[in-house]
């Protein structure tokens, strides 16, 4: 019976030796391959997402252009001493246009959804384009009034009669 026990011990020892050798070989393979491994970059899905440049940059551009347009408008408004009714109405339209665009930019800062921001930005940009045309029309009217005073139809008729 003792021979049977020795065979079981030998079988157990051989199994342990085989397992130890297998673990040692696995460790050697891992160590050998670890020298070749280079750290990989973070997958795109895990990187922080940069904000959409059109949504961020667009309002900044509109704000900068609005400041320039406002300075241009004020420079021409200050040239007019006695505004005509047309110039007064254009000035009121310009003032309300500036207020509307500033309100649109403020709303744009509070919106979170991309579609809502894009729609509001398109609306604000269109308002800016319209305001720009009106300001240029006002500037042209102010330059014309500085060069030649605006006369109503009766004054023009009187000047025409006096010149004959």
N, C-alpha and C. Protein backbone atom coordinates (compact mmCIF):
# COMPACT_ATOMS: atom_id res chain seq x y z
N UNK A 1 0.81 -1.19 0.00
CA UNK A 1 0.00 0.00 0.00
C UNK A 1 0.85 1.23 0.00
N UNK A 2 1.99 1.10 0.51
CA UNK A 2 2.84 2.27 0.52
C UNK A 2 3.27 2.66 -0.87
N UNK A 3 3.38 1.67 -1.75
CA UNK A 3 3.76 1.97 -3.13
C UNK A 3 2.67 2.81 -3.80
N UNK A 4 1.45 2.56 -3.54
CA UNK A 4 0.34 3.32 -4.12
C UNK A 4 0.35 4.78 -3.68
N UNK A 5 0.69 4.97 -2.42
CA UNK A 5 0.75 6.35 -1.92
C UNK A 5 1.89 7.09 -2.56
N UNK A 6 3.02 6.43 -2.72
CA UNK A 6 4.16 7.09 -3.35
C UNK A 6 3.83 7.48 -4.80
N UNK A 7 3.08 6.63 -5.49
CA UNK A 7 2.71 6.95 -6.87
C UNK A 7 1.79 8.18 -6.89
N UNK A 8 0.89 8.28 -5.96
CA UNK A 8 0.00 9.44 -5.89
C UNK A 8 0.80 10.70 -5.59
N UNK A 9 1.78 10.58 -4.68
CA UNK A 9 2.61 11.74 -4.37
C UNK A 9 3.43 12.14 -5.57
N UNK A 10 3.98 11.19 -6.27
CA UNK A 10 4.78 11.49 -7.46
C UNK A 10 3.89 12.15 -8.50
N UNK A 11 2.69 11.66 -8.67
CA UNK A 11 1.76 12.27 -9.63
C UNK A 11 1.41 13.69 -9.22
N UNK A 12 1.23 13.93 -7.94
CA UNK A 12 0.92 15.26 -7.43
C UNK A 12 2.10 16.20 -7.59
N UNK A 13 3.30 15.67 -7.33
CA UNK A 13 4.52 16.48 -7.47
C UNK A 13 4.74 16.83 -8.94
N UNK A 14 4.52 15.86 -9.81
CA UNK A 14 4.70 16.11 -11.25
C UNK A 14 3.68 17.16 -11.72
N UNK A 15 2.48 17.09 -11.25
CA UNK A 15 1.45 18.08 -11.63
C UNK A 15 1.85 19.47 -11.16
N UNK A 16 2.35 19.54 -9.94
CA UNK A 16 2.78 20.84 -9.40
C UNK A 16 3.96 21.38 -10.19
N UNK A 17 4.92 20.51 -10.53
CA UNK A 17 6.09 20.94 -11.32
C UNK A 17 5.64 21.43 -12.69
N UNK A 18 4.71 20.73 -13.32
CA UNK A 18 4.21 21.15 -14.65
C UNK A 18 3.50 22.50 -14.54
N UNK A 19 2.73 22.70 -13.53
CA UNK A 19 2.02 23.98 -13.34
C UNK A 19 3.01 25.10 -13.10
N UNK A 20 4.03 24.84 -12.25
CA UNK A 20 5.05 25.87 -11.98
C UNK A 20 5.80 26.22 -13.25
N UNK A 21 6.17 25.20 -14.05
CA UNK A 21 6.88 25.45 -15.31
C UNK A 21 5.99 26.24 -16.26
N UNK A 22 4.71 25.90 -16.33
CA UNK A 22 3.78 26.62 -17.22
C UNK A 22 3.63 28.08 -16.80
N UNK A 23 3.53 28.31 -15.51
CA UNK A 23 3.43 29.69 -15.01
C UNK A 23 4.71 30.46 -15.29
N UNK A 24 5.87 29.80 -15.11
CA UNK A 24 7.15 30.45 -15.38
C UNK A 24 7.27 30.82 -16.86
N UNK A 25 6.87 29.91 -17.74
CA UNK A 25 6.91 30.19 -19.18
C UNK A 25 5.96 31.34 -19.52
N UNK A 26 4.78 31.35 -18.92
CA UNK A 26 3.82 32.43 -19.17
C UNK A 26 4.36 33.77 -18.70
N UNK A 27 5.01 33.78 -17.53
CA UNK A 27 5.61 35.02 -17.02
C UNK A 27 6.72 35.49 -17.95
N UNK A 28 7.56 34.56 -18.44
CA UNK A 28 8.62 34.94 -19.38
C UNK A 28 8.05 35.53 -20.66
N UNK A 29 7.01 34.93 -21.18
CA UNK A 29 6.39 35.44 -22.41
C UNK A 29 5.81 36.84 -22.18
N UNK A 30 5.15 37.04 -21.07
CA UNK A 30 4.56 38.35 -20.76
C UNK A 30 5.64 39.40 -20.60
N UNK A 31 6.71 39.06 -19.88
CA UNK A 31 7.81 40.02 -19.67
C UNK A 31 8.48 40.35 -21.00
N UNK A 32 8.70 39.33 -21.83
CA UNK A 32 9.35 39.54 -23.12
C UNK A 32 8.49 40.45 -24.01
N UNK A 33 7.20 40.23 -24.04
CA UNK A 33 6.31 41.03 -24.89
C UNK A 33 6.04 42.42 -24.32
N UNK A 34 6.16 42.57 -23.02
CA UNK A 34 5.88 43.88 -22.42
C UNK A 34 6.92 44.92 -22.83
N UNK A 35 8.10 44.47 -23.21
CA UNK A 35 9.13 45.42 -23.66
C UNK A 35 8.76 46.01 -25.02
N UNK A 36 8.03 45.28 -25.82
CA UNK A 36 7.66 45.75 -27.16
C UNK A 36 6.40 46.62 -27.15
N UNK A 37 5.63 46.54 -26.12
CA UNK A 37 4.35 47.26 -26.08
C UNK A 37 4.60 48.75 -25.88
N UNK A 38 3.92 49.53 -26.69
CA UNK A 38 3.97 50.99 -26.55
C UNK A 38 2.58 51.44 -26.11
N UNK A 39 2.53 52.45 -25.24
CA UNK A 39 1.21 52.90 -24.79
C UNK A 39 0.40 53.46 -25.96
N UNK A 40 -0.83 53.04 -26.04
CA UNK A 40 -1.70 53.48 -27.13
C UNK A 40 -2.38 54.79 -26.75
N UNK A 41 -2.78 55.54 -27.77
CA UNK A 41 -3.53 56.77 -27.51
C UNK A 41 -4.93 56.41 -27.06
N UNK A 42 -5.57 57.37 -26.44
CA UNK A 42 -6.93 57.16 -25.96
C UNK A 42 -7.85 57.05 -27.18
N UNK A 43 -8.74 56.09 -27.17
CA UNK A 43 -9.68 56.00 -28.29
C UNK A 43 -10.50 57.28 -28.42
N UNK A 44 -10.91 57.57 -29.63
CA UNK A 44 -11.63 58.81 -29.91
C UNK A 44 -12.89 58.92 -29.05
N UNK A 45 -13.52 57.81 -28.78
CA UNK A 45 -14.76 57.87 -28.01
C UNK A 45 -14.52 58.30 -26.57
N UNK A 46 -13.30 58.15 -26.05
CA UNK A 46 -13.02 58.51 -24.66
C UNK A 46 -12.42 59.90 -24.52
N UNK A 47 -12.00 60.52 -25.62
CA UNK A 47 -11.41 61.85 -25.55
C UNK A 47 -12.51 62.88 -25.26
N UNK A 48 -12.15 64.00 -24.62
CA UNK A 48 -13.16 65.03 -24.42
C UNK A 48 -13.59 65.62 -25.77
N UNK A 49 -14.86 65.86 -25.91
CA UNK A 49 -15.40 66.35 -27.18
C UNK A 49 -15.25 67.86 -27.23
N UNK A 50 -14.53 68.39 -28.23
CA UNK A 50 -14.42 69.85 -28.33
C UNK A 50 -15.75 70.44 -28.76
N UNK A 51 -16.02 71.67 -28.36
CA UNK A 51 -17.29 72.28 -28.76
C UNK A 51 -17.30 72.52 -30.27
N UNK A 52 -18.48 72.54 -30.83
CA UNK A 52 -18.62 72.80 -32.26
C UNK A 52 -18.13 74.21 -32.55
N UNK A 53 -17.15 74.33 -33.42
CA UNK A 53 -16.53 75.64 -33.64
C UNK A 53 -17.49 76.62 -34.27
N UNK A 54 -18.41 76.15 -35.10
CA UNK A 54 -19.36 77.07 -35.73
C UNK A 54 -20.30 77.67 -34.69
N UNK A 55 -20.68 76.87 -33.72
CA UNK A 55 -21.60 77.36 -32.70
C UNK A 55 -20.89 78.28 -31.72
N UNK A 56 -19.61 78.06 -31.48
CA UNK A 56 -18.87 78.89 -30.54
C UNK A 56 -18.32 80.13 -31.24
N UNK A 57 -17.73 79.94 -32.40
CA UNK A 57 -17.07 81.03 -33.10
C UNK A 57 -18.06 82.00 -33.73
N UNK A 58 -19.18 81.49 -34.21
CA UNK A 58 -20.16 82.33 -34.89
C UNK A 58 -20.64 83.51 -34.07
N UNK A 59 -21.13 83.29 -32.84
CA UNK A 59 -21.58 84.43 -32.04
C UNK A 59 -20.47 85.42 -31.73
N UNK A 60 -19.24 84.93 -31.54
CA UNK A 60 -18.12 85.85 -31.29
C UNK A 60 -17.90 86.76 -32.48
N UNK A 61 -17.98 86.19 -33.68
CA UNK A 61 -17.80 86.98 -34.89
C UNK A 61 -18.91 88.01 -35.02
N UNK A 62 -20.14 87.60 -34.75
CA UNK A 62 -21.28 88.52 -34.84
C UNK A 62 -21.12 89.64 -33.81
N UNK A 63 -20.67 89.32 -32.58
CA UNK A 63 -20.47 90.35 -31.56
C UNK A 63 -19.42 91.35 -32.00
N UNK A 64 -18.32 90.84 -32.56
CA UNK A 64 -17.25 91.74 -33.01
C UNK A 64 -17.74 92.64 -34.15
N UNK A 65 -18.43 92.05 -35.11
CA UNK A 65 -18.96 92.84 -36.23
C UNK A 65 -20.01 93.83 -35.77
N UNK A 66 -20.81 93.44 -34.78
CA UNK A 66 -21.84 94.33 -34.26
C UNK A 66 -21.22 95.55 -33.59
N UNK A 67 -20.11 95.35 -32.87
CA UNK A 67 -19.42 96.50 -32.26
C UNK A 67 -18.92 97.46 -33.33
N UNK A 68 -18.32 96.90 -34.39
CA UNK A 68 -17.82 97.75 -35.47
C UNK A 68 -18.96 98.50 -36.15
N UNK A 69 -20.07 97.81 -36.39
CA UNK A 69 -21.21 98.44 -37.03
C UNK A 69 -21.81 99.51 -36.12
N UNK A 70 -21.84 99.27 -34.82
CA UNK A 70 -22.35 100.25 -33.87
C UNK A 70 -21.49 101.51 -33.87
N UNK A 71 -20.17 101.34 -33.88
CA UNK A 71 -19.28 102.52 -33.95
C UNK A 71 -19.51 103.29 -35.24
N UNK A 72 -19.65 102.58 -36.34
CA UNK A 72 -19.89 103.21 -37.64
C UNK A 72 -21.20 104.00 -37.62
N UNK A 73 -22.24 103.39 -37.05
CA UNK A 73 -23.55 104.04 -36.96
C UNK A 73 -23.47 105.29 -36.09
N UNK A 74 -22.83 105.19 -34.93
CA UNK A 74 -22.74 106.35 -34.04
C UNK A 74 -21.92 107.48 -34.66
N UNK A 75 -20.88 107.13 -35.38
CA UNK A 75 -20.06 108.15 -36.04
C UNK A 75 -20.91 108.94 -37.05
N UNK A 76 -21.73 108.26 -37.80
CA UNK A 76 -22.58 108.96 -38.78
C UNK A 76 -23.76 109.65 -38.11
N UNK A 77 -24.26 109.09 -37.02
CA UNK A 77 -25.38 109.73 -36.32
C UNK A 77 -24.93 111.05 -35.69
N UNK A 78 -23.68 111.10 -35.21
CA UNK A 78 -23.17 112.32 -34.59
C UNK A 78 -22.94 113.43 -35.61
N UNK A 79 -22.79 113.09 -36.88
CA UNK A 79 -22.59 114.11 -37.92
C UNK A 79 -23.85 114.92 -38.19
N UNK A 80 -25.00 114.32 -37.94
CA UNK A 80 -26.28 114.97 -38.27
C UNK A 80 -26.66 115.96 -37.18
N UNK A 81 -26.86 117.21 -37.59
CA UNK A 81 -27.27 118.24 -36.64
C UNK A 81 -28.79 118.27 -36.52
N UNK A 82 -29.46 118.45 -37.63
CA UNK A 82 -30.92 118.46 -37.66
C UNK A 82 -31.40 117.29 -38.52
N UNK A 83 -31.75 116.19 -37.91
CA UNK A 83 -32.14 115.02 -38.71
C UNK A 83 -33.49 115.22 -39.40
N UNK A 84 -33.58 114.69 -40.59
CA UNK A 84 -34.85 114.72 -41.32
C UNK A 84 -35.74 113.60 -40.79
N UNK A 85 -37.03 113.62 -41.13
CA UNK A 85 -37.90 112.53 -40.67
C UNK A 85 -37.43 111.15 -41.15
N UNK A 86 -36.90 111.10 -42.37
CA UNK A 86 -36.39 109.83 -42.88
C UNK A 86 -35.21 109.35 -42.03
N UNK A 87 -34.32 110.28 -41.70
CA UNK A 87 -33.15 109.91 -40.89
C UNK A 87 -33.56 109.51 -39.48
N UNK A 88 -34.56 110.20 -38.93
CA UNK A 88 -35.04 109.83 -37.59
C UNK A 88 -35.63 108.42 -37.60
N UNK A 89 -36.43 108.13 -38.62
CA UNK A 89 -37.04 106.79 -38.67
C UNK A 89 -35.96 105.72 -38.89
N UNK A 90 -34.96 106.01 -39.74
CA UNK A 90 -33.87 105.05 -39.93
C UNK A 90 -33.08 104.87 -38.63
N UNK A 91 -32.88 105.96 -37.89
CA UNK A 91 -32.15 105.87 -36.62
C UNK A 91 -32.92 105.00 -35.62
N UNK A 92 -34.24 105.17 -35.57
CA UNK A 92 -35.06 104.34 -34.67
C UNK A 92 -35.01 102.87 -35.07
N UNK A 93 -35.06 102.62 -36.38
CA UNK A 93 -34.99 101.24 -36.86
C UNK A 93 -33.63 100.64 -36.51
N UNK A 94 -32.56 101.43 -36.67
CA UNK A 94 -31.22 100.94 -36.33
C UNK A 94 -31.10 100.63 -34.84
N UNK A 95 -31.62 101.54 -34.00
CA UNK A 95 -31.54 101.30 -32.56
C UNK A 95 -32.30 100.03 -32.16
N UNK A 96 -33.49 99.85 -32.73
CA UNK A 96 -34.25 98.63 -32.39
C UNK A 96 -33.57 97.39 -32.96
N UNK A 97 -32.92 97.53 -34.12
CA UNK A 97 -32.18 96.40 -34.70
C UNK A 97 -31.01 95.99 -33.83
N UNK A 98 -30.26 96.98 -33.32
CA UNK A 98 -29.15 96.66 -32.42
C UNK A 98 -29.66 95.95 -31.17
N UNK A 99 -30.78 96.44 -30.62
CA UNK A 99 -31.34 95.81 -29.42
C UNK A 99 -31.80 94.38 -29.72
N UNK A 100 -32.41 94.18 -30.89
CA UNK A 100 -32.90 92.84 -31.25
C UNK A 100 -31.74 91.85 -31.40
N UNK A 101 -30.65 92.30 -32.02
CA UNK A 101 -29.50 91.40 -32.20
C UNK A 101 -28.83 91.09 -30.86
N UNK A 102 -28.71 92.09 -30.01
CA UNK A 102 -28.12 91.84 -28.68
C UNK A 102 -28.98 90.86 -27.88
N UNK A 103 -30.29 90.99 -28.00
CA UNK A 103 -31.19 90.05 -27.32
C UNK A 103 -31.04 88.65 -27.90
N UNK A 104 -30.89 88.56 -29.22
CA UNK A 104 -30.69 87.25 -29.86
C UNK A 104 -29.39 86.60 -29.42
N UNK A 105 -28.34 87.40 -29.27
CA UNK A 105 -27.06 86.86 -28.79
C UNK A 105 -27.17 86.39 -27.34
N UNK A 106 -27.93 87.13 -26.53
CA UNK A 106 -28.13 86.71 -25.13
C UNK A 106 -28.91 85.40 -25.07
N UNK A 107 -29.92 85.26 -25.90
CA UNK A 107 -30.69 84.02 -25.95
C UNK A 107 -29.80 82.88 -26.42
N UNK A 108 -28.94 83.17 -27.38
CA UNK A 108 -28.04 82.15 -27.92
C UNK A 108 -27.11 81.59 -26.85
N UNK A 109 -26.70 82.44 -25.91
CA UNK A 109 -25.83 81.98 -24.83
C UNK A 109 -26.55 81.06 -23.85
N UNK A 110 -27.87 81.18 -23.76
CA UNK A 110 -28.61 80.37 -22.79
C UNK A 110 -29.08 79.04 -23.36
N UNK A 111 -29.16 78.92 -24.68
CA UNK A 111 -29.66 77.68 -25.29
C UNK A 111 -28.62 76.57 -25.19
N UNK A 112 -29.08 75.33 -25.05
CA UNK A 112 -28.18 74.19 -24.91
C UNK A 112 -28.21 73.24 -26.11
N UNK A 113 -29.35 73.04 -26.71
CA UNK A 113 -29.45 72.09 -27.82
C UNK A 113 -28.81 72.63 -29.09
N UNK A 114 -28.15 71.74 -29.83
CA UNK A 114 -27.46 72.16 -31.05
C UNK A 114 -28.44 72.70 -32.09
N UNK A 115 -29.56 72.05 -32.26
CA UNK A 115 -30.52 72.51 -33.27
C UNK A 115 -31.10 73.85 -32.89
N UNK A 116 -31.43 74.03 -31.63
CA UNK A 116 -31.99 75.30 -31.19
C UNK A 116 -30.96 76.42 -31.34
N UNK A 117 -29.71 76.13 -30.97
CA UNK A 117 -28.65 77.13 -31.11
C UNK A 117 -28.42 77.48 -32.58
N UNK A 118 -28.42 76.47 -33.43
CA UNK A 118 -28.19 76.72 -34.86
C UNK A 118 -29.32 77.56 -35.45
N UNK A 119 -30.55 77.26 -35.08
CA UNK A 119 -31.69 78.03 -35.59
C UNK A 119 -31.64 79.47 -35.10
N UNK A 120 -31.33 79.66 -33.82
CA UNK A 120 -31.24 81.01 -33.27
C UNK A 120 -30.07 81.78 -33.88
N UNK A 121 -28.97 81.08 -34.14
CA UNK A 121 -27.82 81.75 -34.76
C UNK A 121 -28.15 82.19 -36.18
N UNK A 122 -28.84 81.33 -36.93
CA UNK A 122 -29.25 81.73 -38.30
C UNK A 122 -30.15 82.96 -38.25
N UNK A 123 -31.07 82.98 -37.30
CA UNK A 123 -31.98 84.11 -37.15
C UNK A 123 -31.21 85.38 -36.80
N UNK A 124 -30.27 85.27 -35.86
CA UNK A 124 -29.47 86.43 -35.44
C UNK A 124 -28.59 86.92 -36.59
N UNK A 125 -28.02 85.99 -37.32
CA UNK A 125 -27.16 86.37 -38.45
C UNK A 125 -27.98 87.08 -39.53
N UNK A 126 -29.19 86.60 -39.78
CA UNK A 126 -30.05 87.26 -40.77
C UNK A 126 -30.44 88.66 -40.29
N UNK A 127 -30.75 88.80 -39.00
CA UNK A 127 -31.05 90.13 -38.45
C UNK A 127 -29.85 91.06 -38.59
N UNK A 128 -28.65 90.53 -38.39
CA UNK A 128 -27.45 91.35 -38.53
C UNK A 128 -27.29 91.83 -39.97
N UNK A 129 -27.51 90.95 -40.93
CA UNK A 129 -27.39 91.34 -42.34
C UNK A 129 -28.39 92.43 -42.70
N UNK A 130 -29.62 92.28 -42.21
CA UNK A 130 -30.64 93.30 -42.47
C UNK A 130 -30.25 94.62 -41.83
N UNK A 131 -29.79 94.56 -40.58
CA UNK A 131 -29.38 95.78 -39.88
C UNK A 131 -28.22 96.46 -40.59
N UNK A 132 -27.31 95.69 -41.10
CA UNK A 132 -26.15 96.25 -41.80
C UNK A 132 -26.60 97.06 -43.01
N UNK A 133 -27.56 96.53 -43.76
CA UNK A 133 -28.09 97.26 -44.92
C UNK A 133 -28.75 98.56 -44.48
N UNK A 134 -29.50 98.51 -43.39
CA UNK A 134 -30.20 99.70 -42.91
C UNK A 134 -29.19 100.74 -42.41
N UNK A 135 -28.15 100.29 -41.71
CA UNK A 135 -27.13 101.22 -41.21
C UNK A 135 -26.41 101.88 -42.38
N UNK A 136 -26.10 101.12 -43.42
CA UNK A 136 -25.44 101.71 -44.59
C UNK A 136 -26.36 102.71 -45.28
N UNK A 137 -27.65 102.41 -45.31
CA UNK A 137 -28.62 103.35 -45.89
C UNK A 137 -28.67 104.63 -45.04
N UNK A 138 -28.65 104.47 -43.72
CA UNK A 138 -28.64 105.62 -42.82
C UNK A 138 -27.36 106.44 -43.01
N UNK A 139 -26.23 105.75 -43.14
CA UNK A 139 -24.95 106.45 -43.33
C UNK A 139 -24.97 107.23 -44.63
N UNK A 140 -25.52 106.65 -45.68
CA UNK A 140 -25.61 107.36 -46.96
C UNK A 140 -26.50 108.58 -46.83
N UNK A 141 -27.61 108.43 -46.11
CA UNK A 141 -28.51 109.56 -45.90
C UNK A 141 -27.84 110.64 -45.06
N UNK A 142 -27.01 110.25 -44.10
CA UNK A 142 -26.34 111.25 -43.27
C UNK A 142 -25.26 111.98 -44.06
N UNK A 143 -24.56 111.28 -44.94
CA UNK A 143 -23.55 111.93 -45.78
C UNK A 143 -24.23 112.89 -46.74
N UNK A 144 -25.36 112.50 -47.30
CA UNK A 144 -26.09 113.38 -48.21
C UNK A 144 -26.60 114.63 -47.49
N UNK A 145 -27.00 114.48 -46.23
CA UNK A 145 -27.51 115.64 -45.49
C UNK A 145 -26.39 116.59 -45.12
N UNK A 146 -25.19 116.07 -44.90
CA UNK A 146 -24.06 116.95 -44.59
C UNK A 146 -23.65 117.72 -45.84
N UNK A 147 -23.65 117.03 -46.96
CA UNK A 147 -23.26 117.68 -48.21
C UNK A 147 -24.34 118.67 -48.65
N UNK A 148 -25.56 118.24 -48.64
CA UNK A 148 -26.67 119.08 -49.08
C UNK A 148 -27.80 118.94 -48.08
N UNK A 149 -28.25 120.03 -47.47
CA UNK A 149 -29.33 119.93 -46.49
C UNK A 149 -30.61 119.40 -47.14
N UNK A 150 -31.35 118.62 -46.37
CA UNK A 150 -32.59 118.04 -46.88
C UNK A 150 -33.67 119.11 -46.89
N UNK A 151 -34.21 119.34 -48.04
CA UNK A 151 -35.27 120.34 -48.18
C UNK A 151 -36.55 119.64 -48.57
N UNK A 152 -37.63 120.10 -47.99
CA UNK A 152 -38.89 119.49 -48.39
C UNK A 152 -39.31 120.03 -49.76
N UNK A 153 -40.37 119.53 -50.30
CA UNK A 153 -40.75 119.84 -51.68
C UNK A 153 -41.06 121.33 -51.87
N UNK A 154 -41.66 121.98 -50.88
CA UNK A 154 -41.97 123.41 -51.03
C UNK A 154 -40.70 124.25 -51.08
N UNK A 155 -39.72 123.90 -50.23
CA UNK A 155 -38.45 124.63 -50.27
C UNK A 155 -37.75 124.43 -51.60
N UNK A 156 -37.80 123.24 -52.13
CA UNK A 156 -37.17 122.99 -53.44
C UNK A 156 -37.86 123.80 -54.53
N UNK A 157 -39.16 123.82 -54.46
CA UNK A 157 -39.91 124.58 -55.47
C UNK A 157 -39.60 126.07 -55.36
N UNK A 158 -39.49 126.59 -54.15
CA UNK A 158 -39.15 128.00 -53.94
C UNK A 158 -37.76 128.30 -54.47
N UNK A 159 -36.80 127.46 -54.19
CA UNK A 159 -35.44 127.66 -54.71
C UNK A 159 -35.42 127.59 -56.23
N UNK A 160 -36.23 126.71 -56.82
CA UNK A 160 -36.28 126.61 -58.27
C UNK A 160 -36.86 127.88 -58.87
N UNK A 161 -37.92 128.41 -58.24
CA UNK A 161 -38.53 129.64 -58.74
C UNK A 161 -37.59 130.83 -58.60
N UNK A 162 -36.87 130.90 -57.47
CA UNK A 162 -35.94 132.01 -57.26
C UNK A 162 -34.76 131.94 -58.22
N UNK A 163 -34.35 130.76 -58.55
CA UNK A 163 -33.21 130.64 -59.46
C UNK A 163 -33.58 131.00 -60.89
N UNK A 164 -34.87 130.97 -61.26
CA UNK A 164 -35.29 131.34 -62.62
C UNK A 164 -35.38 132.80 -62.70
